[in-house]
Amino acid sequence: MRMRAGLKLLLWVAASTALCSLTAPQFPDLVSQSTGNDFGALFVAVPVVALLSLIFALRWGEFSRLLDRGGQGSSIPFRLAGASAIAGLVAVEPLTGETLAAAAVAVVLTFYSSSLLIVPSARRFILPYTAVFGATVAAPAVLLWAFGEPLAVLSSGLSAKAASLAGLPVLWQGTQFEIIAKTGAVSGLVSPSCSSVTSVTTFLGLLALMHLDMKKDLRSTAKMAVAGVFALSLLDSVRIFILLWVGYEYGADALWGVHDWIGYAMFLGFFLTALLIYTRMGATFKAKAELGTGPVRPFSP
């Protein structure tokens, strides 16, 4: 007798959550520490999870049909693969539990491995979203290590030129600055974590999800990706310039108060604009197929 789709979904989520206590037991503590110290470390995951939830809700009809499929003999290898993957995650937990990014990837892999055990019929539906989410939450740590410092230098240089043109009294030494503000001197540092890496990674992850869901042609998606990376790099310099101006006019408290939210606000405005443009770009795979100019890329297993 087949389980109802909703019951099977609840079983999958409950089992995955329980298994995470074995594969990523440090994850809740790492999230709590990140929330207390710097929300930026979690920023990548929050909008991606929100968009994933929306996509799954919109595609519930297709997803529920996959969940309703009964077990098949061909599913046994996938169930064994899921069990083996979970055992492997438990074995490497001392390593994945050291950082939030690694623990988050372990959580993502646990959910997918659990889906192979409980709902193997939905594996192809879930896999691309799992891959995008896993790459998105893991990428910032790697990219910050590789490109964080150069991007911080670039943002500082562009901001310094803008401040000079605006006549702001800012002294720079590398990525360190000191503002001769109206209320006294204000100093700070443009660190790698202040670069555009997080916003770029978040945007590319969201764009990948939109590409999967809207089935846009790859050329349109690539154009939007390149334009987005370039625009967000410039916007990071604009953000820093705004902070310098606020610090000059109103002092250190105002600068750091605005610093806590302006990046998220600017990203939201940029993403909504990019979403509007992207929805009007190019043809979808489905539209091309109807015109006889391209294939449909199915998501069914």
C-alpha atoms as a PDB file:
ATOM      1  CA  MET A   1       0.000   0.000   0.000  1.00  0.00           C
ATOM      2  CA  ARG A   2       1.419   3.376  -0.975  1.00  0.00           C
ATOM      3  CA  MET A   3       1.898   6.163   1.521  1.00  0.00           C
ATOM      4  CA  ARG A   4       0.249   9.479   0.865  1.00  0.00           C
ATOM      5  CA  ALA A   5       2.685  12.083  -0.489  1.00  0.00           C
ATOM      6  CA  GLY A   6       2.304  14.389   2.503  1.00  0.00           C
ATOM      7  CA  LEU A   7       3.007  11.597   4.983  1.00  0.00           C
ATOM      8  CA  LYS A   8       6.049  10.467   3.046  1.00  0.00           C
ATOM      9  CA  LEU A   9       7.340  14.060   2.913  1.00  0.00           C
ATOM     10  CA  LEU A  10       6.948  14.395   6.677  1.00  0.00           C
ATOM     11  CA  LEU A  11       8.738  11.082   7.181  1.00  0.00           C
ATOM     12  CA  TRP A  12      11.606  12.209   4.955  1.00  0.00           C
ATOM     13  CA  VAL A  13      12.009  15.561   6.742  1.00  0.00           C
ATOM     14  CA  ALA A  14      11.719  13.985  10.215  1.00  0.00           C
ATOM     15  CA  ALA A  15      14.177  11.194   9.412  1.00  0.00           C
ATOM     16  CA  SER A  16      16.650  13.632   7.839  1.00  0.00           C
ATOM     17  CA  THR A  17      16.456  15.954  10.825  1.00  0.00           C
ATOM     18  CA  ALA A  18      17.044  13.068  13.210  1.00  0.00           C
ATOM     19  CA  LEU A  19      19.993  11.783  11.153  1.00  0.00           C
ATOM     20  CA  CYS A  20      21.553  15.257  11.236  1.00  0.00           C
ATOM     21  CA  SER A  21      22.110  14.739  14.959  1.00  0.00           C
ATOM     22  CA  LEU A  22      24.605  12.067  13.907  1.00  0.00           C
ATOM     23  CA  THR A  23      26.066  13.571  10.736  1.00  0.00           C
ATOM     24  CA  ALA A  24      26.193  17.244  11.832  1.00  0.00           C
ATOM     25  CA  PRO A  25      25.656  17.480  15.609  1.00  0.00           C
ATOM     26  CA  GLN A  26      27.616  20.769  15.799  1.00  0.00           C
ATOM     27  CA  PHE A  27      25.416  22.507  13.240  1.00  0.00           C
ATOM     28  CA  PRO A  28      22.925  24.152  15.691  1.00  0.00           C
ATOM     29  CA  ASP A  29      25.773  25.537  17.841  1.00  0.00           C
ATOM     30  CA  LEU A  30      27.612  26.842  14.783  1.00  0.00           C
ATOM     31  CA  VAL A  31      24.437  28.539  13.548  1.00  0.00           C
ATOM     32  CA  SER A  32      23.880  30.086  16.985  1.00  0.00           C
ATOM     33  CA  GLN A  33      27.448  31.413  17.093  1.00  0.00           C
ATOM     34  CA  SER A  34      27.132  32.840  13.590  1.00  0.00           C
ATOM     35  CA  THR A  35      23.815  34.521  14.403  1.00  0.00           C
ATOM     36  CA  GLY A  36      25.307  36.087  17.490  1.00  0.00           C
ATOM     37  CA  ASN A  37      28.483  37.335  15.834  1.00  0.00           C
ATOM     38  CA  ASP A  38      27.768  37.989  12.163  1.00  0.00           C
ATOM     39  CA  PHE A  39      24.602  37.198  10.257  1.00  0.00           C
ATOM     40  CA  GLY A  40      26.587  37.452   7.014  1.00  0.00           C
ATOM     41  CA  ALA A  41      27.781  33.864   7.374  1.00  0.00           C
ATOM     42  CA  LEU A  42      24.150  32.703   7.209  1.00  0.00           C
ATOM     43  CA  PHE A  43      23.024  35.180   4.575  1.00  0.00           C
ATOM     44  CA  VAL A  44      23.801  32.828   1.693  1.00  0.00           C
ATOM     45  CA  ALA A  45      21.528  30.077   3.001  1.00  0.00           C
ATOM     46  CA  VAL A  46      18.524  32.189   4.002  1.00  0.00           C
ATOM     47  CA  PRO A  47      17.359  33.452   0.564  1.00  0.00           C
ATOM     48  CA  VAL A  48      18.267  30.141  -1.088  1.00  0.00           C
ATOM     49  CA  VAL A  49      16.140  28.194   1.415  1.00  0.00           C
ATOM     50  CA  ALA A  50      13.282  30.661   0.901  1.00  0.00           C
ATOM     51  CA  LEU A  51      13.407  30.267  -2.894  1.00  0.00           C
ATOM     52  CA  LEU A  52      13.722  26.488  -2.619  1.00  0.00           C
ATOM     53  CA  SER A  53      10.641  26.361  -0.398  1.00  0.00           C
ATOM     54  CA  LEU A  54       8.712  28.466  -2.919  1.00  0.00           C
ATOM     55  CA  ILE A  55       9.814  26.269  -5.837  1.00  0.00           C
ATOM     56  CA  PHE A  56       8.825  23.073  -4.039  1.00  0.00           C
ATOM     57  CA  ALA A  57       5.455  24.616  -3.153  1.00  0.00           C
ATOM     58  CA  LEU A  58       4.814  25.678  -6.752  1.00  0.00           C
ATOM     59  CA  ARG A  59       5.866  22.273  -8.086  1.00  0.00           C
ATOM     60  CA  TRP A  60       4.103  20.264  -5.385  1.00  0.00           C
ATOM     61  CA  GLY A  61       1.885  18.507  -7.907  1.00  0.00           C
ATOM     62  CA  GLU A  62       4.866  17.035  -9.755  1.00  0.00           C
ATOM     63  CA  PHE A  63       6.766  16.334  -6.529  1.00  0.00           C
ATOM     64  CA  SER A  64       3.788  14.636  -4.862  1.00  0.00           C
ATOM     65  CA  ARG A  65       3.326  12.287  -7.815  1.00  0.00           C
ATOM     66  CA  LEU A  66       6.936  11.201  -7.443  1.00  0.00           C
ATOM     67  CA  LEU A  67       6.486  10.735  -3.690  1.00  0.00           C
ATOM     68  CA  ASP A  68       3.415   8.585  -4.265  1.00  0.00           C
ATOM     69  CA  ARG A  69       5.280   6.076  -6.394  1.00  0.00           C
ATOM     70  CA  GLY A  70       5.720   2.749  -4.676  1.00  0.00           C
ATOM     71  CA  GLY A  71       8.991   1.013  -4.035  1.00  0.00           C
ATOM     72  CA  GLN A  72      10.609  -0.847  -6.912  1.00  0.00           C
ATOM     73  CA  GLY A  73      13.328  -3.452  -7.143  1.00  0.00           C
ATOM     74  CA  SER A  74      15.509  -0.988  -9.054  1.00  0.00           C
ATOM     75  CA  SER A  75      15.374   1.323  -6.016  1.00  0.00           C
ATOM     76  CA  ILE A  76      17.460  -1.044  -3.881  1.00  0.00           C
ATOM     77  CA  PRO A  77      20.858   0.190  -5.177  1.00  0.00           C
ATOM     78  CA  PHE A  78      19.824   3.798  -4.487  1.00  0.00           C
ATOM     79  CA  ARG A  79      18.675   2.921  -0.965  1.00  0.00           C
ATOM     80  CA  LEU A  80      22.037   1.218  -0.357  1.00  0.00           C
ATOM     81  CA  ALA A  81      23.825   4.272  -1.740  1.00  0.00           C
ATOM     82  CA  GLY A  82      21.849   6.512   0.613  1.00  0.00           C
ATOM     83  CA  ALA A  83      22.657   4.358   3.631  1.00  0.00           C
ATOM     84  CA  SER A  84      26.359   4.244   2.669  1.00  0.00           C
ATOM     85  CA  ALA A  85      26.472   8.026   2.226  1.00  0.00           C
ATOM     86  CA  ILE A  86      24.959   8.597   5.668  1.00  0.00           C
ATOM     87  CA  ALA A  87      27.456   6.186   7.230  1.00  0.00           C
ATOM     88  CA  GLY A  88      30.262   8.075   5.494  1.00  0.00           C
ATOM     89  CA  LEU A  89      28.970  11.416   6.785  1.00  0.00           C
ATOM     90  CA  VAL A  90      28.905  10.049  10.326  1.00  0.00           C
ATOM     91  CA  ALA A  91      32.499   8.858   9.920  1.00  0.00           C
ATOM     92  CA  VAL A  92      33.798  12.272   8.762  1.00  0.00           C
ATOM     93  CA  GLU A  93      31.726  14.304  11.242  1.00  0.00           C
ATOM     94  CA  PRO A  94      34.785  15.405  13.280  1.00  0.00           C
ATOM     95  CA  LEU A  95      35.981  17.212  10.132  1.00  0.00           C
ATOM     96  CA  THR A  96      32.673  18.596   8.856  1.00  0.00           C
ATOM     97  CA  GLY A  97      31.774  19.842  12.328  1.00  0.00           C
ATOM     98  CA  GLU A  98      34.672  22.310  12.434  1.00  0.00           C
ATOM     99  CA  THR A  99      33.069  25.077  10.340  1.00  0.00           C
ATOM    100  CA  LEU A 100      29.553  26.273   9.618  1.00  0.00           C
ATOM    101  CA  ALA A 101      29.964  25.852   5.850  1.00  0.00           C
ATOM    102  CA  ALA A 102      31.168  22.247   6.155  1.00  0.00           C
ATOM    103  CA  ALA A 103      28.423  21.390   8.642  1.00  0.00           C
ATOM    104  CA  ALA A 104      25.812  22.959   6.357  1.00  0.00           C
ATOM    105  CA  VAL A 105      27.022  20.846   3.442  1.00  0.00           C
ATOM    106  CA  ALA A 106      26.779  17.771   5.681  1.00  0.00           C
ATOM    107  CA  VAL A 107      23.159  18.701   6.464  1.00  0.00           C
ATOM    108  CA  VAL A 108      22.353  19.096   2.760  1.00  0.00           C
ATOM    109  CA  LEU A 109      23.946  15.740   1.925  1.00  0.00           C
ATOM    110  CA  THR A 110      22.130  14.085   4.823  1.00  0.00           C
ATOM    111  CA  PHE A 111      18.774  15.250   3.471  1.00  0.00           C
ATOM    112  CA  TYR A 112      19.577  13.994  -0.015  1.00  0.00           C
ATOM    113  CA  SER A 113      20.959  10.664   1.252  1.00  0.00           C
ATOM    114  CA  SER A 114      17.839  10.233   3.346  1.00  0.00           C
ATOM    115  CA  SER A 115      15.708  10.896   0.261  1.00  0.00           C
ATOM    116  CA  LEU A 116      17.460   7.988  -1.479  1.00  0.00           C
ATOM    117  CA  LEU A 117      16.389   5.778   1.407  1.00  0.00           C
ATOM    118  CA  ILE A 118      12.792   6.963   1.756  1.00  0.00           C
ATOM    119  CA  VAL A 119      11.761   8.481  -1.591  1.00  0.00           C
ATOM    120  CA  PRO A 120      14.211   7.146  -4.221  1.00  0.00           C
ATOM    121  CA  SER A 121      11.611   7.789  -6.943  1.00  0.00           C
ATOM    122  CA  ALA A 122      12.135  11.551  -6.431  1.00  0.00           C
ATOM    123  CA  ARG A 123      15.926  11.421  -6.607  1.00  0.00           C
ATOM    124  CA  ARG A 124      16.245  13.131  -9.995  1.00  0.00           C
ATOM    125  CA  PHE A 125      13.799  15.851  -9.009  1.00  0.00           C
ATOM    126  CA  ILE A 126      15.716  16.631  -5.808  1.00  0.00           C
ATOM    127  CA  LEU A 127      19.279  16.203  -7.094  1.00  0.00           C
ATOM    128  CA  PRO A 128      19.758  19.476  -9.057  1.00  0.00           C
ATOM    129  CA  TYR A 129      18.370  21.544  -6.191  1.00  0.00           C
ATOM    130  CA  THR A 130      20.587  19.680  -3.732  1.00  0.00           C
ATOM    131  CA  ALA A 131      23.639  20.310  -5.898  1.00  0.00           C
ATOM    132  CA  VAL A 132      22.906  24.028  -6.246  1.00  0.00           C
ATOM    133  CA  PHE A 133      22.189  24.471  -2.530  1.00  0.00           C
ATOM    134  CA  GLY A 134      25.268  22.525  -1.462  1.00  0.00           C
ATOM    135  CA  ALA A 135      27.535  24.448  -3.826  1.00  0.00           C
ATOM    136  CA  THR A 136      26.033  27.780  -2.773  1.00  0.00           C
ATOM    137  CA  VAL A 137      26.586  27.274   0.959  1.00  0.00           C
ATOM    138  CA  ALA A 138      30.082  25.833   0.468  1.00  0.00           C
ATOM    139  CA  ALA A 139      31.408  28.298  -2.104  1.00  0.00           C
ATOM    140  CA  PRO A 140      31.786  31.453   0.054  1.00  0.00           C
ATOM    141  CA  ALA A 141      34.406  29.890   2.330  1.00  0.00           C
ATOM    142  CA  VAL A 142      36.506  28.800  -0.650  1.00  0.00           C
ATOM    143  CA  LEU A 143      36.019  32.019  -2.608  1.00  0.00           C
ATOM    144  CA  LEU A 144      36.808  34.219   0.398  1.00  0.00           C
ATOM    145  CA  TRP A 145      40.082  32.351   0.819  1.00  0.00           C
ATOM    146  CA  ALA A 146      40.948  32.671  -2.882  1.00  0.00           C
ATOM    147  CA  PHE A 147      39.485  36.043  -3.891  1.00  0.00           C
ATOM    148  CA  GLY A 148      38.393  37.837  -0.712  1.00  0.00           C
ATOM    149  CA  GLU A 149      41.541  39.935  -0.291  1.00  0.00           C
ATOM    150  CA  PRO A 150      41.844  41.020  -3.972  1.00  0.00           C
ATOM    151  CA  LEU A 151      38.170  41.960  -4.076  1.00  0.00           C
ATOM    152  CA  ALA A 152      38.525  43.912  -0.820  1.00  0.00           C
ATOM    153  CA  VAL A 153      41.456  45.797  -2.355  1.00  0.00           C
ATOM    154  CA  LEU A 154      39.418  46.490  -5.500  1.00  0.00           C
ATOM    155  CA  SER A 155      36.412  47.756  -3.528  1.00  0.00           C
ATOM    156  CA  SER A 156      38.655  49.911  -1.351  1.00  0.00           C
ATOM    157  CA  GLY A 157      40.368  51.424  -4.399  1.00  0.00           C
ATOM    158  CA  LEU A 158      37.098  52.287  -6.154  1.00  0.00           C
ATOM    159  CA  SER A 159      35.625  53.685  -2.927  1.00  0.00           C
ATOM    160  CA  ALA A 160      38.743  55.761  -2.308  1.00  0.00           C
ATOM    161  CA  LYS A 161      38.447  57.362  -5.767  1.00  0.00           C
ATOM    162  CA  ALA A 162      34.754  58.080  -5.247  1.00  0.00           C
ATOM    163  CA  ALA A 163      35.451  59.601  -1.818  1.00  0.00           C
ATOM    164  CA  SER A 164      38.211  61.762  -3.295  1.00  0.00           C
ATOM    165  CA  LEU A 165      35.906  63.029  -6.047  1.00  0.00           C
ATOM    166  CA  ALA A 166      33.238  63.802  -3.448  1.00  0.00           C
ATOM    167  CA  GLY A 167      35.757  65.683  -1.300  1.00  0.00           C
ATOM    168  CA  LEU A 168      35.472  63.414   1.724  1.00  0.00           C
ATOM    169  CA  PRO A 169      38.527  63.633   4.007  1.00  0.00           C
ATOM    170  CA  VAL A 170      39.429  59.926   4.085  1.00  0.00           C
ATOM    171  CA  LEU A 171      42.961  58.618   4.594  1.00  0.00           C
ATOM    172  CA  TRP A 172      43.713  55.149   3.203  1.00  0.00           C
ATOM    173  CA  GLN A 173      46.451  52.679   3.982  1.00  0.00           C
ATOM    174  CA  GLY A 174      45.738  49.604   1.898  1.00  0.00           C
ATOM    175  CA  THR A 175      42.248  48.500   2.912  1.00  0.00           C
ATOM    176  CA  GLN A 176      42.332  50.450   6.195  1.00  0.00           C
ATOM    177  CA  PHE A 177      40.736  53.885   6.330  1.00  0.00           C
ATOM    178  CA  GLU A 178      40.402  56.822   8.686  1.00  0.00           C
ATOM    179  CA  ILE A 179      37.731  59.469   8.213  1.00  0.00           C
ATOM    180  CA  ILE A 180      38.276  62.969   9.569  1.00  0.00           C
ATOM    181  CA  ALA A 181      34.602  63.214  10.474  1.00  0.00           C
ATOM    182  CA  LYS A 182      32.639  66.180  11.770  1.00  0.00           C
ATOM    183  CA  THR A 183      32.331  64.424  15.125  1.00  0.00           C
ATOM    184  CA  GLY A 184      35.917  63.151  15.303  1.00  0.00           C
ATOM    185  CA  ALA A 185      38.093  60.538  13.637  1.00  0.00           C
ATOM    186  CA  VAL A 186      36.473  57.305  12.480  1.00  0.00           C
ATOM    187  CA  SER A 187      38.602  54.326  11.432  1.00  0.00           C
ATOM    188  CA  GLY A 188      37.843  50.942   9.966  1.00  0.00           C
ATOM    189  CA  LEU A 189      38.953  48.128   7.705  1.00  0.00           C
ATOM    190  CA  VAL A 190      37.538  46.679   4.493  1.00  0.00           C
ATOM    191  CA  SER A 191      38.122  42.992   5.224  1.00  0.00           C
ATOM    192  CA  PRO A 192      37.717  40.083   2.775  1.00  0.00           C
ATOM    193  CA  SER A 193      34.367  39.278   4.376  1.00  0.00           C
ATOM    194  CA  CYS A 194      33.268  42.818   3.427  1.00  0.00           C
ATOM    195  CA  SER A 195      33.961  42.124  -0.243  1.00  0.00           C
ATOM    196  CA  SER A 196      31.319  41.120  -2.787  1.00  0.00           C
ATOM    197  CA  VAL A 197      31.987  37.372  -2.442  1.00  0.00           C
ATOM    198  CA  THR A 198      28.931  36.618  -0.304  1.00  0.00           C
ATOM    199  CA  SER A 199      26.504  38.640  -2.397  1.00  0.00           C
ATOM    200  CA  VAL A 200      27.887  37.248  -5.672  1.00  0.00           C
ATOM    201  CA  THR A 201      27.669  33.663  -4.398  1.00  0.00           C
ATOM    202  CA  THR A 202      24.129  34.190  -3.146  1.00  0.00           C
ATOM    203  CA  PHE A 203      23.055  35.721  -6.445  1.00  0.00           C
ATOM    204  CA  LEU A 204      24.581  32.921  -8.526  1.00  0.00           C
ATOM    205  CA  GLY A 205      22.895  30.301  -6.326  1.00  0.00           C
ATOM    206  CA  LEU A 206      19.517  31.991  -6.691  1.00  0.00           C
ATOM    207  CA  LEU A 207      20.069  32.404 -10.428  1.00  0.00           C
ATOM    208  CA  ALA A 208      20.841  28.697 -10.760  1.00  0.00           C
ATOM    209  CA  LEU A 209      17.599  27.840  -8.971  1.00  0.00           C
ATOM    210  CA  MET A 210      15.654  30.187 -11.244  1.00  0.00           C
ATOM    211  CA  HIS A 211      17.323  28.610 -14.275  1.00  0.00           C
ATOM    212  CA  LEU A 212      16.215  25.159 -13.139  1.00  0.00           C
ATOM    213  CA  ASP A 213      12.678  26.265 -12.383  1.00  0.00           C
ATOM    214  CA  MET A 214      12.030  28.621 -15.323  1.00  0.00           C
ATOM    215  CA  LYS A 215      13.943  26.397 -17.760  1.00  0.00           C
ATOM    216  CA  LYS A 216      15.530  29.431 -19.406  1.00  0.00           C
ATOM    217  CA  ASP A 217      18.036  28.900 -22.188  1.00  0.00           C
ATOM    218  CA  LEU A 218      21.617  28.688 -20.982  1.00  0.00           C
ATOM    219  CA  ARG A 219      22.773  31.758 -22.931  1.00  0.00           C
ATOM    220  CA  SER A 220      20.341  34.062 -21.134  1.00  0.00           C
ATOM    221  CA  THR A 221      21.376  32.645 -17.771  1.00  0.00           C
ATOM    222  CA  ALA A 222      25.082  33.055 -18.574  1.00  0.00           C
ATOM    223  CA  LYS A 223      24.567  36.683 -19.612  1.00  0.00           C
ATOM    224  CA  MET A 224      22.701  37.436 -16.403  1.00  0.00           C
ATOM    225  CA  ALA A 225      25.405  35.691 -14.335  1.00  0.00           C
ATOM    226  CA  VAL A 226      28.221  37.761 -15.878  1.00  0.00           C
ATOM    227  CA  ALA A 227      26.259  41.013 -15.588  1.00  0.00           C
ATOM    228  CA  GLY A 228      25.324  40.210 -11.993  1.00  0.00           C
ATOM    229  CA  VAL A 229      28.900  39.511 -10.895  1.00  0.00           C
ATOM    230  CA  PHE A 230      30.076  42.781 -12.454  1.00  0.00           C
ATOM    231  CA  ALA A 231      27.189  44.828 -11.026  1.00  0.00           C
ATOM    232  CA  LEU A 232      27.505  43.407  -7.509  1.00  0.00           C
ATOM    233  CA  SER A 233      31.241  44.127  -7.471  1.00  0.00           C
ATOM    234  CA  LEU A 234      30.492  47.776  -8.302  1.00  0.00           C
ATOM    235  CA  LEU A 235      27.627  47.914  -5.794  1.00  0.00           C
ATOM    236  CA  ASP A 236      29.994  46.789  -3.056  1.00  0.00           C
ATOM    237  CA  SER A 237      32.121  49.878  -3.726  1.00  0.00           C
ATOM    238  CA  VAL A 238      28.967  52.029  -3.676  1.00  0.00           C
ATOM    239  CA  ARG A 239      28.044  50.493  -0.313  1.00  0.00           C
ATOM    240  CA  ILE A 240      31.463  51.317   1.129  1.00  0.00           C
ATOM    241  CA  PHE A 241      31.269  54.891  -0.212  1.00  0.00           C
ATOM    242  CA  ILE A 242      27.845  55.364   1.428  1.00  0.00           C
ATOM    243  CA  LEU A 243      29.287  54.111   4.720  1.00  0.00           C
ATOM    244  CA  LEU A 244      32.201  56.538   4.437  1.00  0.00           C
ATOM    245  CA  TRP A 245      29.796  59.415   3.829  1.00  0.00           C
ATOM    246  CA  VAL A 246      27.603  58.402   6.795  1.00  0.00           C
ATOM    247  CA  GLY A 247      30.701  58.154   8.984  1.00  0.00           C
ATOM    248  CA  TYR A 248      31.879  61.605   7.888  1.00  0.00           C
ATOM    249  CA  GLU A 249      28.507  63.243   8.490  1.00  0.00           C
ATOM    250  CA  TYR A 250      27.278  61.443  11.601  1.00  0.00           C
ATOM    251  CA  GLY A 251      30.195  59.585  13.212  1.00  0.00           C
ATOM    252  CA  ALA A 252      31.198  56.044  14.043  1.00  0.00           C
ATOM    253  CA  ASP A 253      27.949  54.877  15.676  1.00  0.00           C
ATOM    254  CA  ALA A 254      25.930  55.839  12.619  1.00  0.00           C
ATOM    255  CA  LEU A 255      28.442  54.214  10.268  1.00  0.00           C
ATOM    256  CA  TRP A 256      28.344  50.862  12.053  1.00  0.00           C
ATOM    257  CA  GLY A 257      24.580  51.069  12.503  1.00  0.00           C
ATOM    258  CA  VAL A 258      24.055  51.489   8.752  1.00  0.00           C
ATOM    259  CA  HIS A 259      26.736  48.859   8.084  1.00  0.00           C
ATOM    260  CA  ASP A 260      24.565  46.205   9.754  1.00  0.00           C
ATOM    261  CA  TRP A 261      21.764  46.420   7.186  1.00  0.00           C
ATOM    262  CA  ILE A 262      22.680  48.375   4.071  1.00  0.00           C
ATOM    263  CA  GLY A 263      24.323  45.450   2.277  1.00  0.00           C
ATOM    264  CA  TYR A 264      21.232  43.260   2.646  1.00  0.00           C
ATOM    265  CA  ALA A 265      18.940  46.080   1.498  1.00  0.00           C
ATOM    266  CA  MET A 266      21.066  46.799  -1.572  1.00  0.00           C
ATOM    267  CA  PHE A 267      21.227  43.106  -2.453  1.00  0.00           C
ATOM    268  CA  LEU A 268      17.457  42.730  -2.171  1.00  0.00           C
ATOM    269  CA  GLY A 269      16.895  45.702  -4.471  1.00  0.00           C
ATOM    270  CA  PHE A 270      19.441  44.364  -6.958  1.00  0.00           C
ATOM    271  CA  PHE A 271      18.001  40.846  -6.934  1.00  0.00           C
ATOM    272  CA  LEU A 272      14.426  41.986  -7.485  1.00  0.00           C
ATOM    273  CA  THR A 273      15.605  44.098 -10.425  1.00  0.00           C
ATOM    274  CA  ALA A 274      17.627  41.194 -11.842  1.00  0.00           C
ATOM    275  CA  LEU A 275      14.642  38.852 -11.398  1.00  0.00           C
ATOM    276  CA  LEU A 276      12.393  41.198 -13.357  1.00  0.00           C
ATOM    277  CA  ILE A 277      14.947  41.424 -16.180  1.00  0.00           C
ATOM    278  CA  TYR A 278      15.638  37.680 -16.171  1.00  0.00           C
ATOM    279  CA  THR A 279      11.976  36.742 -16.523  1.00  0.00           C
ATOM    280  CA  ARG A 280      11.893  38.760 -19.764  1.00  0.00           C
ATOM    281  CA  MET A 281      15.138  37.405 -21.192  1.00  0.00           C
ATOM    282  CA  GLY A 282      15.291  34.750 -23.889  1.00  0.00           C
ATOM    283  CA  ALA A 283      12.970  31.827 -24.462  1.00  0.00           C
ATOM    284  CA  THR A 284      12.427  28.912 -22.135  1.00  0.00           C
ATOM    285  CA  PHE A 285      13.305  25.336 -23.114  1.00  0.00           C
ATOM    286  CA  LYS A 286       9.580  24.605 -23.325  1.00  0.00           C
ATOM    287  CA  ALA A 287       8.928  27.550 -25.650  1.00  0.00           C
ATOM    288  CA  LYS A 288      11.837  26.515 -27.871  1.00  0.00           C
ATOM    289  CA  ALA A 289      10.506  22.973 -28.060  1.00  0.00           C
ATOM    290  CA  GLU A 290       7.072  24.218 -29.058  1.00  0.00           C
ATOM    291  CA  LEU A 291       8.721  26.252 -31.830  1.00  0.00           C
ATOM    292  CA  GLY A 292      10.853  23.300 -32.848  1.00  0.00           C
ATOM    293  CA  THR A 293      14.118  25.097 -32.008  1.00  0.00           C
ATOM    294  CA  GLY A 294      15.221  23.254 -28.906  1.00  0.00           C
ATOM    295  CA  PRO A 295      14.557  20.343 -26.556  1.00  0.00           C
ATOM    296  CA  VAL A 296      12.585  20.218 -23.368  1.00  0.00           C
ATOM    297  CA  ARG A 297      14.673  19.215 -20.363  1.00  0.00           C
ATOM    298  CA  PRO A 298      12.457  16.944 -18.284  1.00  0.00           C
ATOM    299  CA  PHE A 299      12.708  16.650 -14.512  1.00  0.00           C
ATOM    300  CA  SER A 300      10.946  13.319 -14.217  1.00  0.00           C
ATOM    301  CA  PRO A 301      13.114  10.379 -13.145  1.00  0.00           C
END
